[in-house]
Amino acid sequence: MKIGLSIPNNWGVEDAPRLIDLAVRAEERGFASVWTSEHLINLAYVRARIGDRPYHHPLAILSAIAGRTSRIQLGTSIIVLPFHNPFDIGKYVATLDQISRGRVILGVGVGNVKEEFDVLGVPWEQRGAITDESIDILRALWTQEEASHSGRKWSFEGVHTSPKSYQGRRIPIWIGGMSEAAYRRTARVGDGWQPTAITPEQLKAQLAEVRALTAAEGRDPAAIECCMRFNITLDGVEVTETELRSTVKGGDTQRIIDVAKSFAEAGATHFIYAINGHDPDLLDDTVDSLASDLLPHFS
């Protein structure tokens, strides 16, 4: 199982370049991947957590990281796909794939804060359908010389866009969520599944369902990655009730190791620890301690 870190672009870090430094540190210490998260508006639990402090754009942060790293994979956990025009996000992600020489993993989801959809003018009840159609468009734009699509929201034919993905690779799309719709979405078009806030036992059962649905779609279920995400709280920050079910306190070394091992045994192929805090020095120390304490168990 590969171990990655979700860096806190979403936790009010004032000095954005320190987030880039943190990702460079993660690569130097041997982590497999770094991840960023997305909300566009500071409201609901985001505002409760960071107020008006910065929530940095996930793809902008990854773009800066790409220019200073050479090996580590760059992922989103997750992009709320209904917020974005697929042509815009498709060009941005393909460009990032070129800059990073093929290290991008696009994690996507449907979103979970209705008030954010209301402000943005995106229909909450249509978020699943928009996500499905957007994924189909992204695949067309990245793989077809003359892209065509016919759907409910977008229809076009003979469209030329660039760049494509690096060396024609298939940019992995990992589907976030624990609903039946997320399982079906993964089975139909996903390259991976990314749940959170579930137990190892739940992961094992739900992964079996995802892979059964994938086989029913005529796709290879063994090719589906399973990426579990867990939180490490720092700075004494408050977390939501949902997050509490998937959270361990910083410094609890044995629990940090045991949690990752339990999900490896349940079938996860990739595991992310989100280091949740806004003190850059403490974040640096946490990366170092995780590298020395956790990574040797998964080398």
C-alpha atoms as a PDB file:
ATOM      1  CA  MET A   1       0.000   0.000   0.000  1.00  0.00           C
ATOM      2  CA  LYS A   2       1.317   3.433  -0.973  1.00  0.00           C
ATOM      3  CA  ILE A   3       1.266   6.242   1.599  1.00  0.00           C
ATOM      4  CA  GLY A   4       0.427   9.820   0.661  1.00  0.00           C
ATOM      5  CA  LEU A   5      -0.165  13.102   2.472  1.00  0.00           C
ATOM      6  CA  SER A   6      -2.976  15.607   2.014  1.00  0.00           C
ATOM      7  CA  ILE A   7      -1.359  18.986   2.616  1.00  0.00           C
ATOM      8  CA  PRO A   8      -3.484  21.662   4.325  1.00  0.00           C
ATOM      9  CA  ASN A   9      -4.319  24.089   1.534  1.00  0.00           C
ATOM     10  CA  ASN A  10      -7.728  24.050   3.270  1.00  0.00           C
ATOM     11  CA  TRP A  11      -6.665  24.917   6.832  1.00  0.00           C
ATOM     12  CA  GLY A  12      -5.891  28.625   6.762  1.00  0.00           C
ATOM     13  CA  VAL A  13      -2.127  28.567   6.211  1.00  0.00           C
ATOM     14  CA  GLU A  14      -1.239  32.222   5.585  1.00  0.00           C
ATOM     15  CA  ASP A  15       2.142  31.592   3.939  1.00  0.00           C
ATOM     16  CA  ALA A  16       1.210  29.662   0.786  1.00  0.00           C
ATOM     17  CA  PRO A  17       4.835  28.973  -0.279  1.00  0.00           C
ATOM     18  CA  ARG A  18       5.259  26.951   2.927  1.00  0.00           C
ATOM     19  CA  LEU A  19       2.691  24.505   1.522  1.00  0.00           C
ATOM     20  CA  ILE A  20       4.911  24.039  -1.527  1.00  0.00           C
ATOM     21  CA  ASP A  21       7.920  23.528   0.739  1.00  0.00           C
ATOM     22  CA  LEU A  22       5.905  20.940   2.673  1.00  0.00           C
ATOM     23  CA  ALA A  23       5.222  18.933  -0.484  1.00  0.00           C
ATOM     24  CA  VAL A  24       8.909  19.060  -1.457  1.00  0.00           C
ATOM     25  CA  ARG A  25       9.720  17.785   2.022  1.00  0.00           C
ATOM     26  CA  ALA A  26       7.215  14.942   1.561  1.00  0.00           C
ATOM     27  CA  GLU A  27       8.920  13.887  -1.667  1.00  0.00           C
ATOM     28  CA  GLU A  28      12.353  14.033  -0.052  1.00  0.00           C
ATOM     29  CA  ARG A  29      11.138  11.901   2.848  1.00  0.00           C
ATOM     30  CA  GLY A  30       9.772   9.185   0.524  1.00  0.00           C
ATOM     31  CA  PHE A  31       5.991   9.666   0.433  1.00  0.00           C
ATOM     32  CA  ALA A  32       4.217   8.395  -2.686  1.00  0.00           C
ATOM     33  CA  SER A  33       1.801  11.283  -3.224  1.00  0.00           C
ATOM     34  CA  VAL A  34       0.581  14.702  -2.097  1.00  0.00           C
ATOM     35  CA  TRP A  35      -3.045  15.819  -2.258  1.00  0.00           C
ATOM     36  CA  THR A  36      -5.080  19.017  -2.059  1.00  0.00           C
ATOM     37  CA  SER A  37      -8.753  19.665  -1.289  1.00  0.00           C
ATOM     38  CA  GLU A  38     -11.417  22.028  -2.630  1.00  0.00           C
ATOM     39  CA  HIS A  39     -14.118  24.393  -1.483  1.00  0.00           C
ATOM     40  CA  LEU A  40     -14.606  27.663  -3.329  1.00  0.00           C
ATOM     41  CA  ILE A  41     -16.366  29.607  -0.566  1.00  0.00           C
ATOM     42  CA  ASN A  42     -15.613  29.946   3.149  1.00  0.00           C
ATOM     43  CA  LEU A  43     -18.967  28.960   4.610  1.00  0.00           C
ATOM     44  CA  ALA A  44     -20.555  26.233   6.736  1.00  0.00           C
ATOM     45  CA  TYR A  45     -17.916  24.064   8.446  1.00  0.00           C
ATOM     46  CA  VAL A  46     -15.106  25.653   6.410  1.00  0.00           C
ATOM     47  CA  ARG A  47     -15.848  29.100   7.838  1.00  0.00           C
ATOM     48  CA  ALA A  48     -16.297  27.662  11.307  1.00  0.00           C
ATOM     49  CA  ARG A  49     -12.818  26.196  11.035  1.00  0.00           C
ATOM     50  CA  ILE A  50     -10.741  28.917   9.360  1.00  0.00           C
ATOM     51  CA  GLY A  51     -12.946  32.024   9.270  1.00  0.00           C
ATOM     52  CA  ASP A  52     -11.567  34.307   6.561  1.00  0.00           C
ATOM     53  CA  ARG A  53      -8.091  32.780   6.555  1.00  0.00           C
ATOM     54  CA  PRO A  54      -6.916  31.368   3.190  1.00  0.00           C
ATOM     55  CA  TYR A  55      -8.339  28.271   1.543  1.00  0.00           C
ATOM     56  CA  HIS A  56      -5.889  27.992  -1.357  1.00  0.00           C
ATOM     57  CA  HIS A  57      -6.868  26.724  -4.803  1.00  0.00           C
ATOM     58  CA  PRO A  58      -6.005  23.011  -5.046  1.00  0.00           C
ATOM     59  CA  LEU A  59      -4.777  23.020  -8.646  1.00  0.00           C
ATOM     60  CA  ALA A  60      -2.754  26.215  -8.252  1.00  0.00           C
ATOM     61  CA  ILE A  61      -0.947  24.678  -5.280  1.00  0.00           C
ATOM     62  CA  LEU A  62      -0.312  21.438  -7.200  1.00  0.00           C
ATOM     63  CA  SER A  63       1.004  23.401 -10.183  1.00  0.00           C
ATOM     64  CA  ALA A  64       3.597  25.092  -7.987  1.00  0.00           C
ATOM     65  CA  ILE A  65       4.503  21.737  -6.433  1.00  0.00           C
ATOM     66  CA  ALA A  66       4.920  20.183  -9.880  1.00  0.00           C
ATOM     67  CA  GLY A  67       7.639  22.686 -10.725  1.00  0.00           C
ATOM     68  CA  ARG A  68       9.693  21.804  -7.646  1.00  0.00           C
ATOM     69  CA  THR A  69       9.306  18.016  -7.550  1.00  0.00           C
ATOM     70  CA  SER A  70      10.094  15.165  -9.922  1.00  0.00           C
ATOM     71  CA  ARG A  71       8.697  11.920  -8.532  1.00  0.00           C
ATOM     72  CA  ILE A  72       5.795  12.350  -6.142  1.00  0.00           C
ATOM     73  CA  GLN A  73       2.245  11.898  -7.499  1.00  0.00           C
ATOM     74  CA  LEU A  74      -0.060  14.928  -7.403  1.00  0.00           C
ATOM     75  CA  GLY A  75      -3.710  14.365  -6.546  1.00  0.00           C
ATOM     76  CA  THR A  76      -6.934  16.133  -5.644  1.00  0.00           C
ATOM     77  CA  SER A  77      -8.963  14.851  -2.721  1.00  0.00           C
ATOM     78  CA  ILE A  78     -11.268  16.038  -4.045  1.00  0.00           C
ATOM     79  CA  ILE A  79     -12.263  18.473  -6.816  1.00  0.00           C
ATOM     80  CA  VAL A  80     -16.008  19.214  -6.661  1.00  0.00           C
ATOM     81  CA  LEU A  81     -16.592  18.598 -10.332  1.00  0.00           C
ATOM     82  CA  PRO A  82     -20.062  20.228 -10.675  1.00  0.00           C
ATOM     83  CA  PHE A  83     -18.480  23.580  -9.754  1.00  0.00           C
ATOM     84  CA  HIS A  84     -16.392  23.567 -12.964  1.00  0.00           C
ATOM     85  CA  ASN A  85     -16.833  23.821 -16.687  1.00  0.00           C
ATOM     86  CA  PRO A  86     -15.306  20.564 -18.010  1.00  0.00           C
ATOM     87  CA  PHE A  87     -13.453  22.380 -20.795  1.00  0.00           C
ATOM     88  CA  ASP A  88     -11.707  24.624 -18.262  1.00  0.00           C
ATOM     89  CA  ILE A  89     -10.887  21.897 -15.764  1.00  0.00           C
ATOM     90  CA  GLY A  90      -9.864  19.571 -18.596  1.00  0.00           C
ATOM     91  CA  LYS A  91      -7.302  22.040 -19.924  1.00  0.00           C
ATOM     92  CA  TYR A  92      -5.985  22.843 -16.448  1.00  0.00           C
ATOM     93  CA  VAL A  93      -5.532  19.189 -15.476  1.00  0.00           C
ATOM     94  CA  ALA A  94      -3.946  18.211 -18.805  1.00  0.00           C
ATOM     95  CA  THR A  95      -1.559  21.160 -18.505  1.00  0.00           C
ATOM     96  CA  LEU A  96      -0.664  20.086 -14.973  1.00  0.00           C
ATOM     97  CA  ASP A  97      -0.063  16.565 -16.285  1.00  0.00           C
ATOM     98  CA  GLN A  98       2.340  17.988 -18.867  1.00  0.00           C
ATOM     99  CA  ILE A  99       4.156  20.147 -16.294  1.00  0.00           C
ATOM    100  CA  SER A 100       4.534  17.202 -13.918  1.00  0.00           C
ATOM    101  CA  ARG A 101       5.401  14.723 -16.692  1.00  0.00           C
ATOM    102  CA  GLY A 102       2.475  12.444 -16.007  1.00  0.00           C
ATOM    103  CA  ARG A 103       2.049  12.498 -12.216  1.00  0.00           C
ATOM    104  CA  VAL A 104      -1.567  13.690 -11.872  1.00  0.00           C
ATOM    105  CA  ILE A 105      -4.423  11.800 -10.224  1.00  0.00           C
ATOM    106  CA  LEU A 106      -7.750  13.614 -10.504  1.00  0.00           C
ATOM    107  CA  GLY A 107      -9.941  12.839  -7.504  1.00  0.00           C
ATOM    108  CA  VAL A 108     -13.509  14.068  -8.048  1.00  0.00           C
ATOM    109  CA  GLY A 109     -16.750  14.188  -6.119  1.00  0.00           C
ATOM    110  CA  VAL A 110     -20.233  15.648  -6.251  1.00  0.00           C
ATOM    111  CA  GLY A 111     -19.913  18.015  -3.261  1.00  0.00           C
ATOM    112  CA  ASN A 112     -21.476  18.056   0.183  1.00  0.00           C
ATOM    113  CA  VAL A 113     -22.384  21.663   1.135  1.00  0.00           C
ATOM    114  CA  LYS A 114     -25.698  22.749  -0.376  1.00  0.00           C
ATOM    115  CA  GLU A 115     -25.207  26.410   0.573  1.00  0.00           C
ATOM    116  CA  GLU A 116     -22.097  26.511  -1.602  1.00  0.00           C
ATOM    117  CA  PHE A 117     -24.074  25.248  -4.592  1.00  0.00           C
ATOM    118  CA  ASP A 118     -26.744  27.876  -3.948  1.00  0.00           C
ATOM    119  CA  VAL A 119     -24.205  30.718  -3.973  1.00  0.00           C
ATOM    120  CA  LEU A 120     -22.549  29.406  -7.143  1.00  0.00           C
ATOM    121  CA  GLY A 121     -25.869  28.903  -8.928  1.00  0.00           C
ATOM    122  CA  VAL A 122     -25.292  25.188  -9.488  1.00  0.00           C
ATOM    123  CA  PRO A 123     -28.413  23.005  -9.046  1.00  0.00           C
ATOM    124  CA  TRP A 124     -27.882  20.822  -5.980  1.00  0.00           C
ATOM    125  CA  GLU A 125     -30.234  18.109  -7.213  1.00  0.00           C
ATOM    126  CA  GLN A 126     -28.362  17.852 -10.526  1.00  0.00           C
ATOM    127  CA  ARG A 127     -24.854  17.540  -9.091  1.00  0.00           C
ATOM    128  CA  GLY A 128     -24.582  13.797  -9.739  1.00  0.00           C
ATOM    129  CA  ALA A 129     -25.717  14.063 -13.350  1.00  0.00           C
ATOM    130  CA  ILE A 130     -23.385  17.005 -13.977  1.00  0.00           C
ATOM    131  CA  THR A 131     -20.493  15.031 -12.508  1.00  0.00           C
ATOM    132  CA  ASP A 132     -21.179  12.008 -14.719  1.00  0.00           C
ATOM    133  CA  GLU A 133     -21.412  14.100 -17.865  1.00  0.00           C
ATOM    134  CA  SER A 134     -18.315  16.107 -16.986  1.00  0.00           C
ATOM    135  CA  ILE A 135     -16.254  12.932 -16.561  1.00  0.00           C
ATOM    136  CA  ASP A 136     -17.354  11.716 -19.999  1.00  0.00           C
ATOM    137  CA  ILE A 137     -16.373  15.074 -21.508  1.00  0.00           C
ATOM    138  CA  LEU A 138     -12.959  15.033 -19.810  1.00  0.00           C
ATOM    139  CA  ARG A 139     -12.226  11.603 -21.254  1.00  0.00           C
ATOM    140  CA  ALA A 140     -13.274  12.785 -24.713  1.00  0.00           C
ATOM    141  CA  LEU A 141     -11.160  15.953 -24.540  1.00  0.00           C
ATOM    142  CA  TRP A 142      -8.078  14.073 -23.335  1.00  0.00           C
ATOM    143  CA  THR A 143      -8.253  11.137 -25.740  1.00  0.00           C
ATOM    144  CA  GLN A 144     -10.044  12.157 -28.955  1.00  0.00           C
ATOM    145  CA  GLU A 145      -8.324  14.165 -31.682  1.00  0.00           C
ATOM    146  CA  GLU A 146     -11.736  15.577 -32.618  1.00  0.00           C
ATOM    147  CA  ALA A 147     -13.806  15.360 -29.463  1.00  0.00           C
ATOM    148  CA  SER A 148     -17.556  14.746 -29.596  1.00  0.00           C
ATOM    149  CA  HIS A 149     -20.196  14.439 -26.903  1.00  0.00           C
ATOM    150  CA  SER A 150     -23.971  14.401 -26.717  1.00  0.00           C
ATOM    151  CA  GLY A 151     -25.550  14.942 -23.318  1.00  0.00           C
ATOM    152  CA  ARG A 152     -28.161  16.797 -21.274  1.00  0.00           C
ATOM    153  CA  LYS A 153     -26.037  19.842 -20.492  1.00  0.00           C
ATOM    154  CA  TRP A 154     -23.364  19.852 -23.219  1.00  0.00           C
ATOM    155  CA  SER A 155     -23.363  18.693 -26.839  1.00  0.00           C
ATOM    156  CA  PHE A 156     -20.592  19.212 -29.380  1.00  0.00           C
ATOM    157  CA  GLU A 157     -18.694  17.485 -32.173  1.00  0.00           C
ATOM    158  CA  GLY A 158     -15.409  17.898 -33.978  1.00  0.00           C
ATOM    159  CA  VAL A 159     -13.882  19.941 -31.153  1.00  0.00           C
ATOM    160  CA  HIS A 160     -10.100  20.331 -31.000  1.00  0.00           C
ATOM    161  CA  THR A 161      -8.502  21.028 -27.608  1.00  0.00           C
ATOM    162  CA  SER A 162      -4.958  20.956 -26.292  1.00  0.00           C
ATOM    163  CA  PRO A 163      -2.883  19.933 -24.532  1.00  0.00           C
ATOM    164  CA  LYS A 164      -3.670  16.274 -24.195  1.00  0.00           C
ATOM    165  CA  SER A 165      -2.295  14.244 -21.292  1.00  0.00           C
ATOM    166  CA  TYR A 166       1.440  13.635 -20.970  1.00  0.00           C
ATOM    167  CA  GLN A 167       2.604  11.132 -23.595  1.00  0.00           C
ATOM    168  CA  GLY A 168      -1.009  10.087 -24.168  1.00  0.00           C
ATOM    169  CA  ARG A 169      -1.361   8.509 -20.725  1.00  0.00           C
ATOM    170  CA  ARG A 170      -4.760   7.842 -19.209  1.00  0.00           C
ATOM    171  CA  ILE A 171      -5.096  10.419 -16.435  1.00  0.00           C
ATOM    172  CA  PRO A 172      -6.523   8.443 -13.502  1.00  0.00           C
ATOM    173  CA  ILE A 173      -9.893   9.646 -12.234  1.00  0.00           C
ATOM    174  CA  TRP A 174     -10.628   8.506  -8.693  1.00  0.00           C
ATOM    175  CA  ILE A 175     -14.217   8.813  -7.495  1.00  0.00           C
ATOM    176  CA  GLY A 176     -14.903  10.126  -4.001  1.00  0.00           C
ATOM    177  CA  GLY A 177     -17.954   9.107  -2.001  1.00  0.00           C
ATOM    178  CA  MET A 178     -19.696   6.298  -0.150  1.00  0.00           C
ATOM    179  CA  SER A 179     -23.101   6.306  -1.849  1.00  0.00           C
ATOM    180  CA  GLU A 180     -24.484   3.739  -4.257  1.00  0.00           C
ATOM    181  CA  ALA A 181     -24.196   6.394  -6.966  1.00  0.00           C
ATOM    182  CA  ALA A 182     -20.481   6.759  -6.195  1.00  0.00           C
ATOM    183  CA  TYR A 183     -20.023   2.986  -6.430  1.00  0.00           C
ATOM    184  CA  ARG A 184     -21.754   2.898  -9.819  1.00  0.00           C
ATOM    185  CA  ARG A 185     -19.786   5.914 -11.030  1.00  0.00           C
ATOM    186  CA  THR A 186     -16.534   4.212 -10.071  1.00  0.00           C
ATOM    187  CA  ALA A 187     -17.579   1.009 -11.798  1.00  0.00           C
ATOM    188  CA  ARG A 188     -18.583   2.786 -14.996  1.00  0.00           C
ATOM    189  CA  VAL A 189     -15.772   5.288 -15.513  1.00  0.00           C
ATOM    190  CA  GLY A 190     -13.472   5.416 -12.464  1.00  0.00           C
ATOM    191  CA  ASP A 191      -9.880   4.294 -12.169  1.00  0.00           C
ATOM    192  CA  GLY A 192     -10.092   4.358  -8.403  1.00  0.00           C
ATOM    193  CA  TRP A 193     -12.435   4.807  -5.470  1.00  0.00           C
ATOM    194  CA  GLN A 194     -11.755   7.176  -2.565  1.00  0.00           C
ATOM    195  CA  PRO A 195     -13.958   6.823   0.543  1.00  0.00           C
ATOM    196  CA  THR A 196     -13.582   8.415   3.969  1.00  0.00           C
ATOM    197  CA  ALA A 197     -15.108   8.148   7.449  1.00  0.00           C
ATOM    198  CA  ILE A 198     -15.651   4.384   7.278  1.00  0.00           C
ATOM    199  CA  THR A 199     -14.172   1.464   9.201  1.00  0.00           C
ATOM    200  CA  PRO A 200     -11.830  -1.163   7.725  1.00  0.00           C
ATOM    201  CA  GLU A 201     -14.705  -3.651   7.846  1.00  0.00           C
ATOM    202  CA  GLN A 202     -16.933  -1.277   5.894  1.00  0.00           C
ATOM    203  CA  LEU A 203     -14.147  -0.616   3.413  1.00  0.00           C
ATOM    204  CA  LYS A 204     -13.710  -4.329   2.750  1.00  0.00           C
ATOM    205  CA  ALA A 205     -17.436  -4.880   2.156  1.00  0.00           C
ATOM    206  CA  GLN A 206     -17.949  -1.763   0.044  1.00  0.00           C
ATOM    207  CA  LEU A 207     -14.818  -2.374  -2.029  1.00  0.00           C
ATOM    208  CA  ALA A 208     -16.162  -5.835  -2.852  1.00  0.00           C
ATOM    209  CA  GLU A 209     -19.380  -4.198  -4.047  1.00  0.00           C
ATOM    210  CA  VAL A 210     -17.493  -1.658  -6.138  1.00  0.00           C
ATOM    211  CA  ARG A 211     -15.441  -4.378  -7.788  1.00  0.00           C
ATOM    212  CA  ALA A 212     -18.503  -6.533  -8.449  1.00  0.00           C
ATOM    213  CA  LEU A 213     -20.193  -3.579 -10.153  1.00  0.00           C
ATOM    214  CA  THR A 214     -17.010  -2.950 -12.137  1.00  0.00           C
ATOM    215  CA  ALA A 215     -16.987  -6.532 -13.384  1.00  0.00           C
ATOM    216  CA  ALA A 216     -20.649  -6.190 -14.369  1.00  0.00           C
ATOM    217  CA  GLU A 217     -19.633  -3.206 -16.523  1.00  0.00           C
ATOM    218  CA  GLY A 218     -17.186  -5.451 -18.381  1.00  0.00           C
ATOM    219  CA  ARG A 219     -14.169  -3.787 -16.826  1.00  0.00           C
ATOM    220  CA  ASP A 220     -11.306  -5.358 -14.847  1.00  0.00           C
ATOM    221  CA  PRO A 221     -12.179  -5.020 -11.145  1.00  0.00           C
ATOM    222  CA  ALA A 222      -8.571  -5.685 -10.121  1.00  0.00           C
ATOM    223  CA  ALA A 223      -7.532  -2.486 -11.919  1.00  0.00           C
ATOM    224  CA  ILE A 224      -9.597  -0.287  -9.567  1.00  0.00           C
ATOM    225  CA  GLU A 225      -7.424   1.473  -6.987  1.00  0.00           C
ATOM    226  CA  CYS A 226      -8.813   1.952  -3.491  1.00  0.00           C
ATOM    227  CA  CYS A 227      -7.572   5.037  -1.667  1.00  0.00           C
ATOM    228  CA  MET A 228      -8.570   5.518   1.974  1.00  0.00           C
ATOM    229  CA  ARG A 229      -8.185   8.936   3.610  1.00  0.00           C
ATOM    230  CA  PHE A 230      -7.715   9.563   7.336  1.00  0.00           C
ATOM    231  CA  ASN A 231      -7.069  12.782   9.278  1.00  0.00           C
ATOM    232  CA  ILE A 232      -4.318  13.744  11.698  1.00  0.00           C
ATOM    233  CA  THR A 233      -5.334  16.734  13.825  1.00  0.00           C
ATOM    234  CA  LEU A 234      -2.737  19.305  14.839  1.00  0.00           C
ATOM    235  CA  ASP A 235      -2.868  22.719  16.566  1.00  0.00           C
ATOM    236  CA  GLY A 236      -5.816  21.578  18.719  1.00  0.00           C
ATOM    237  CA  VAL A 237      -8.221  22.347  15.866  1.00  0.00           C
ATOM    238  CA  GLU A 238     -11.878  21.345  16.028  1.00  0.00           C
ATOM    239  CA  VAL A 239     -13.229  18.767  13.572  1.00  0.00           C
ATOM    240  CA  THR A 240     -16.734  17.889  12.469  1.00  0.00           C
ATOM    241  CA  GLU A 241     -18.559  14.834  13.837  1.00  0.00           C
ATOM    242  CA  THR A 242     -18.058  13.067  10.501  1.00  0.00           C
ATOM    243  CA  GLU A 243     -14.350  13.844  10.514  1.00  0.00           C
ATOM    244  CA  LEU A 244     -14.026  12.631  14.084  1.00  0.00           C
ATOM    245  CA  ARG A 245     -14.801   9.097  12.892  1.00  0.00           C
ATOM    246  CA  SER A 246     -11.732   9.227  10.664  1.00  0.00           C
ATOM    247  CA  THR A 247      -9.325  11.208  12.833  1.00  0.00           C
ATOM    248  CA  VAL A 248      -6.301  10.431  14.975  1.00  0.00           C
ATOM    249  CA  LYS A 249      -4.433  12.949  17.119  1.00  0.00           C
ATOM    250  CA  GLY A 250      -0.987  14.039  16.045  1.00  0.00           C
ATOM    251  CA  GLY A 251       1.694  12.355  18.113  1.00  0.00           C
ATOM    252  CA  ASP A 252      -0.273   9.146  18.692  1.00  0.00           C
ATOM    253  CA  THR A 253       2.324   7.145  16.788  1.00  0.00           C
ATOM    254  CA  GLN A 254       1.060   3.634  17.437  1.00  0.00           C
ATOM    255  CA  ARG A 255      -2.523   4.499  16.468  1.00  0.00           C
ATOM    256  CA  ILE A 256      -1.291   6.222  13.303  1.00  0.00           C
ATOM    257  CA  ILE A 257       0.528   3.037  12.316  1.00  0.00           C
ATOM    258  CA  ASP A 258      -2.304   0.700  13.349  1.00  0.00           C
ATOM    259  CA  VAL A 259      -4.930   2.638  11.381  1.00  0.00           C
ATOM    260  CA  ALA A 260      -2.909   2.483   8.158  1.00  0.00           C
ATOM    261  CA  LYS A 261      -2.195  -1.237   8.629  1.00  0.00           C
ATOM    262  CA  SER A 262      -5.867  -2.013   9.241  1.00  0.00           C
ATOM    263  CA  PHE A 263      -6.894  -0.418   5.952  1.00  0.00           C
ATOM    264  CA  ALA A 264      -4.085  -2.155   4.076  1.00  0.00           C
ATOM    265  CA  GLU A 265      -5.426  -5.462   5.358  1.00  0.00           C
ATOM    266  CA  ALA A 266      -8.950  -4.419   4.268  1.00  0.00           C
ATOM    267  CA  GLY A 267      -7.821  -3.923   0.674  1.00  0.00           C
ATOM    268  CA  ALA A 268      -6.704  -0.304   0.324  1.00  0.00           C
ATOM    269  CA  THR A 269      -4.003   0.139  -2.308  1.00  0.00           C
ATOM    270  CA  HIS A 270      -3.269   3.759  -1.388  1.00  0.00           C
ATOM    271  CA  PHE A 271      -3.653   5.531   1.960  1.00  0.00           C
ATOM    272  CA  ILE A 272      -3.697   9.285   2.601  1.00  0.00           C
ATOM    273  CA  TYR A 273      -3.073  10.976   5.907  1.00  0.00           C
ATOM    274  CA  ALA A 274      -4.464  14.511   5.838  1.00  0.00           C
ATOM    275  CA  ILE A 275      -2.269  16.594   8.137  1.00  0.00           C
ATOM    276  CA  ASN A 276      -4.761  19.150   9.405  1.00  0.00           C
ATOM    277  CA  GLY A 277      -3.224  22.248  10.920  1.00  0.00           C
ATOM    278  CA  HIS A 278      -1.956  25.722  10.086  1.00  0.00           C
ATOM    279  CA  ASP A 279       1.371  26.019  11.933  1.00  0.00           C
ATOM    280  CA  PRO A 280       4.053  25.533   9.230  1.00  0.00           C
ATOM    281  CA  ASP A 281       6.774  24.429  11.664  1.00  0.00           C
ATOM    282  CA  LEU A 282       4.496  21.836  13.239  1.00  0.00           C
ATOM    283  CA  LEU A 283       3.522  20.611   9.763  1.00  0.00           C
ATOM    284  CA  ASP A 284       7.197  20.161   8.860  1.00  0.00           C
ATOM    285  CA  ASP A 285       7.822  18.209  12.057  1.00  0.00           C
ATOM    286  CA  THR A 286       4.767  16.031  11.381  1.00  0.00           C
ATOM    287  CA  VAL A 287       5.996  15.090   7.903  1.00  0.00           C
ATOM    288  CA  ASP A 288       9.361  14.139   9.385  1.00  0.00           C
ATOM    289  CA  SER A 289       7.844  12.037  12.167  1.00  0.00           C
ATOM    290  CA  LEU A 290       5.458  10.246   9.821  1.00  0.00           C
ATOM    291  CA  ALA A 291       8.340   9.469   7.483  1.00  0.00           C
ATOM    292  CA  SER A 292      10.409   7.929  10.270  1.00  0.00           C
ATOM    293  CA  ASP A 293       7.591   6.216  12.187  1.00  0.00           C
ATOM    294  CA  LEU A 294       5.062   5.197   9.535  1.00  0.00           C
ATOM    295  CA  LEU A 295       6.783   4.689   6.192  1.00  0.00           C
ATOM    296  CA  PRO A 296       9.103   1.855   7.273  1.00  0.00           C
ATOM    297  CA  HIS A 297       6.035  -0.327   7.829  1.00  0.00           C
ATOM    298  CA  PHE A 298       5.021   0.035   4.157  1.00  0.00           C
ATOM    299  CA  SER A 299       8.346   0.107   2.327  1.00  0.00           C
END
